[in-house]
C-alpha atoms as a PDB file:
ATOM      1  CA  UNK A   1     -10.915  -6.229   1.231  1.00  0.00           C
ATOM      2  CA  UNK A   2      -9.573  -6.143  -2.287  1.00  0.00           C
ATOM      3  CA  UNK A   3      -9.064  -8.609  -5.065  1.00  0.00           C
ATOM      4  CA  UNK A   4      -5.659 -10.234  -4.866  1.00  0.00           C
ATOM      5  CA  UNK A   5      -3.314  -9.676  -7.741  1.00  0.00           C
ATOM      6  CA  UNK A   6      -2.335 -12.743  -9.723  1.00  0.00           C
ATOM      7  CA  UNK A   7       1.250 -13.608  -8.850  1.00  0.00           C
ATOM      8  CA  UNK A   8       1.772 -15.809 -11.893  1.00  0.00           C
ATOM      9  CA  UNK A   9       5.033 -17.575 -12.426  1.00  0.00           C
ATOM     10  CA  UNK A  10       6.829 -20.865 -12.767  1.00  0.00           C
ATOM     11  CA  UNK A  11       5.846 -23.665 -10.423  1.00  0.00           C
ATOM     12  CA  UNK A  12       8.295 -26.283 -11.699  1.00  0.00           C
ATOM     13  CA  UNK A  13      10.784 -26.560 -14.533  1.00  0.00           C
ATOM     14  CA  UNK A  14      12.643 -29.600 -15.858  1.00  0.00           C
ATOM     15  CA  UNK A  15      15.226 -27.385 -17.572  1.00  0.00           C
ATOM     16  CA  UNK A  16      18.492 -27.650 -15.573  1.00  0.00           C
ATOM     17  CA  UNK A  17      19.646 -24.271 -16.966  1.00  0.00           C
ATOM     18  CA  UNK A  18      16.459 -22.443 -15.947  1.00  0.00           C
ATOM     19  CA  UNK A  19      16.949 -19.155 -14.089  1.00  0.00           C
ATOM     20  CA  UNK A  20      13.887 -17.716 -12.353  1.00  0.00           C
ATOM     21  CA  UNK A  21      13.210 -14.032 -12.912  1.00  0.00           C
ATOM     22  CA  UNK A  22      10.255 -12.101 -11.538  1.00  0.00           C
ATOM     23  CA  UNK A  23      10.718  -9.473 -14.281  1.00  0.00           C
ATOM     24  CA  UNK A  24      11.768  -6.835 -11.779  1.00  0.00           C
ATOM     25  CA  UNK A  25       8.437  -6.582  -9.945  1.00  0.00           C
ATOM     26  CA  UNK A  26      10.152  -6.369  -6.551  1.00  0.00           C
ATOM     27  CA  UNK A  27      12.496  -3.677  -7.841  1.00  0.00           C
ATOM     28  CA  UNK A  28       9.735  -1.503  -9.265  1.00  0.00           C
ATOM     29  CA  UNK A  29      10.762   2.128  -9.440  1.00  0.00           C
ATOM     30  CA  UNK A  30       8.845   4.329  -7.029  1.00  0.00           C
ATOM     31  CA  UNK A  31       7.148   7.365  -8.516  1.00  0.00           C
ATOM     32  CA  UNK A  32       7.812  10.727  -6.895  1.00  0.00           C
ATOM     33  CA  UNK A  33       5.134  11.877  -4.419  1.00  0.00           C
ATOM     34  CA  UNK A  34       3.753  14.427  -6.897  1.00  0.00           C
ATOM     35  CA  UNK A  35       3.143  11.677  -9.459  1.00  0.00           C
ATOM     36  CA  UNK A  36       1.465   9.287  -7.025  1.00  0.00           C
ATOM     37  CA  UNK A  37      -2.344   9.123  -7.131  1.00  0.00           C
ATOM     38  CA  UNK A  38      -3.418   7.835  -3.716  1.00  0.00           C
ATOM     39  CA  UNK A  39      -6.914   7.201  -2.354  1.00  0.00           C
ATOM     40  CA  UNK A  40      -7.778   7.042   1.338  1.00  0.00           C
ATOM     41  CA  UNK A  41     -10.669   4.682   2.139  1.00  0.00           C
ATOM     42  CA  UNK A  42     -12.508   3.813   5.345  1.00  0.00           C
ATOM     43  CA  UNK A  43     -13.683   0.259   5.932  1.00  0.00           C
ATOM     44  CA  UNK A  44     -15.982  -0.780   8.772  1.00  0.00           C
ATOM     45  CA  UNK A  45     -15.109  -4.045  10.446  1.00  0.00           C
ATOM     46  CA  UNK A  46     -17.198  -6.154  12.797  1.00  0.00           C
ATOM     47  CA  UNK A  47     -17.391  -4.987  16.380  1.00  0.00           C
ATOM     48  CA  UNK A  48     -17.734  -1.289  15.412  1.00  0.00           C
ATOM     49  CA  UNK A  49     -14.044  -1.130  14.428  1.00  0.00           C
ATOM     50  CA  UNK A  50     -12.721   0.987  11.567  1.00  0.00           C
ATOM     51  CA  UNK A  51      -9.787   0.566   9.202  1.00  0.00           C
ATOM     52  CA  UNK A  52      -8.189   3.312   7.112  1.00  0.00           C
ATOM     53  CA  UNK A  53      -6.842   1.988   3.803  1.00  0.00           C
ATOM     54  CA  UNK A  54      -4.458   3.832   1.468  1.00  0.00           C
ATOM     55  CA  UNK A  55      -4.541   2.504  -2.102  1.00  0.00           C
ATOM     56  CA  UNK A  56      -2.814   3.399  -5.343  1.00  0.00           C
ATOM     57  CA  UNK A  57       0.844   3.535  -4.268  1.00  0.00           C
ATOM     58  CA  UNK A  58       3.124   2.875  -7.240  1.00  0.00           C
ATOM     59  CA  UNK A  59       6.563   1.743  -6.182  1.00  0.00           C
ATOM     60  CA  UNK A  60       8.775  -0.768  -4.469  1.00  0.00           C
ATOM     61  CA  UNK A  61       7.745  -2.911  -1.517  1.00  0.00           C
ATOM     62  CA  UNK A  62      10.394  -1.250   0.639  1.00  0.00           C
ATOM     63  CA  UNK A  63       9.062   2.239  -0.127  1.00  0.00           C
ATOM     64  CA  UNK A  64       5.420   1.384   0.610  1.00  0.00           C
ATOM     65  CA  UNK A  65       6.507  -0.232   3.895  1.00  0.00           C
ATOM     66  CA  UNK A  66       8.486   2.893   4.794  1.00  0.00           C
ATOM     67  CA  UNK A  67       5.481   5.114   4.056  1.00  0.00           C
ATOM     68  CA  UNK A  68       3.213   2.783   6.037  1.00  0.00           C
ATOM     69  CA  UNK A  69       5.553   2.922   9.020  1.00  0.00           C
ATOM     70  CA  UNK A  70       5.667   6.734   8.850  1.00  0.00           C
ATOM     71  CA  UNK A  71       1.849   6.964   8.767  1.00  0.00           C
ATOM     72  CA  UNK A  72       1.366   4.484  11.625  1.00  0.00           C
ATOM     73  CA  UNK A  73       3.883   6.352  13.746  1.00  0.00           C
ATOM     74  CA  UNK A  74       2.378   9.777  13.002  1.00  0.00           C
ATOM     75  CA  UNK A  75      -1.137   8.528  13.833  1.00  0.00           C
ATOM     76  CA  UNK A  76       0.053   6.661  16.934  1.00  0.00           C
ATOM     77  CA  UNK A  77      -1.719   3.449  15.936  1.00  0.00           C
ATOM     78  CA  UNK A  78      -0.957   0.022  14.519  1.00  0.00           C
ATOM     79  CA  UNK A  79      -1.380  -1.229  11.015  1.00  0.00           C
ATOM     80  CA  UNK A  80       0.348  -3.091   8.220  1.00  0.00           C
ATOM     81  CA  UNK A  81       1.119  -3.181   4.508  1.00  0.00           C
ATOM     82  CA  UNK A  82      -0.643  -5.935   2.590  1.00  0.00           C
ATOM     83  CA  UNK A  83      -1.475  -6.493  -1.097  1.00  0.00           C
ATOM     84  CA  UNK A  84      -0.055  -3.077  -2.115  1.00  0.00           C
ATOM     85  CA  UNK A  85      -2.287  -1.312   0.426  1.00  0.00           C
ATOM     86  CA  UNK A  86      -1.398   0.500   3.635  1.00  0.00           C
ATOM     87  CA  UNK A  87      -3.758  -0.477   6.457  1.00  0.00           C
ATOM     88  CA  UNK A  88      -4.046   1.851   9.463  1.00  0.00           C
ATOM     89  CA  UNK A  89      -6.150   0.985  12.517  1.00  0.00           C
ATOM     90  CA  UNK A  90      -9.072   3.286  13.240  1.00  0.00           C
ATOM     91  CA  UNK A  91     -10.607   6.189  11.344  1.00  0.00           C
ATOM     92  CA  UNK A  92      -7.411   8.116  10.599  1.00  0.00           C
ATOM     93  CA  UNK A  93      -8.490   9.601   7.261  1.00  0.00           C
ATOM     94  CA  UNK A  94      -8.028  13.259   8.192  1.00  0.00           C
ATOM     95  CA  UNK A  95      -4.563  12.737   9.733  1.00  0.00           C
ATOM     96  CA  UNK A  96      -3.435  10.549   6.831  1.00  0.00           C
ATOM     97  CA  UNK A  97      -4.696  13.068   4.254  1.00  0.00           C
ATOM     98  CA  UNK A  98      -2.907  15.937   6.018  1.00  0.00           C
ATOM     99  CA  UNK A  99       0.365  13.965   6.324  1.00  0.00           C
ATOM    100  CA  UNK A 100       0.329  12.804   2.696  1.00  0.00           C
ATOM    101  CA  UNK A 101      -0.501  16.286   1.377  1.00  0.00           C
ATOM    102  CA  UNK A 102       2.344  17.781   3.448  1.00  0.00           C
ATOM    103  CA  UNK A 103       4.690  15.163   1.939  1.00  0.00           C
ATOM    104  CA  UNK A 104       3.659  16.298  -1.566  1.00  0.00           C
ATOM    105  CA  UNK A 105       1.458  13.326  -2.514  1.00  0.00           C
ATOM    106  CA  UNK A 106      -1.572  13.715  -4.747  1.00  0.00           C
ATOM    107  CA  UNK A 107      -4.265  12.197  -2.540  1.00  0.00           C
ATOM    108  CA  UNK A 108      -8.055  12.160  -2.255  1.00  0.00           C
ATOM    109  CA  UNK A 109     -10.550  10.813   0.223  1.00  0.00           C
ATOM    110  CA  UNK A 110     -12.536   8.006  -1.414  1.00  0.00           C
ATOM    111  CA  UNK A 111     -15.854   6.451  -0.475  1.00  0.00           C
ATOM    112  CA  UNK A 112     -16.088   3.274   1.656  1.00  0.00           C
END
């Protein structure tokens, strides 16, 4: 699908006063829909199945999950959020584009 992002960090520390901090990556501020630059892709899977993928969302994990849930519900299909991508079952590009544009997102259909 896509290259995984490196989730670097501390594996082990001998410092008894060490406090782990992920530098706020989970609390990333979500950009407004007009400032988002989303791309809607279609991926063919084995068995003649299709997968619609939305990439480019900049924001918190909670917000991308909320958007993913809204898109799955509106399309009436299953899907998930994984590696900062929203995955929607089937070829739902037209519905997803229409929904995102109505919500004010800057979105384009991308190849493959």
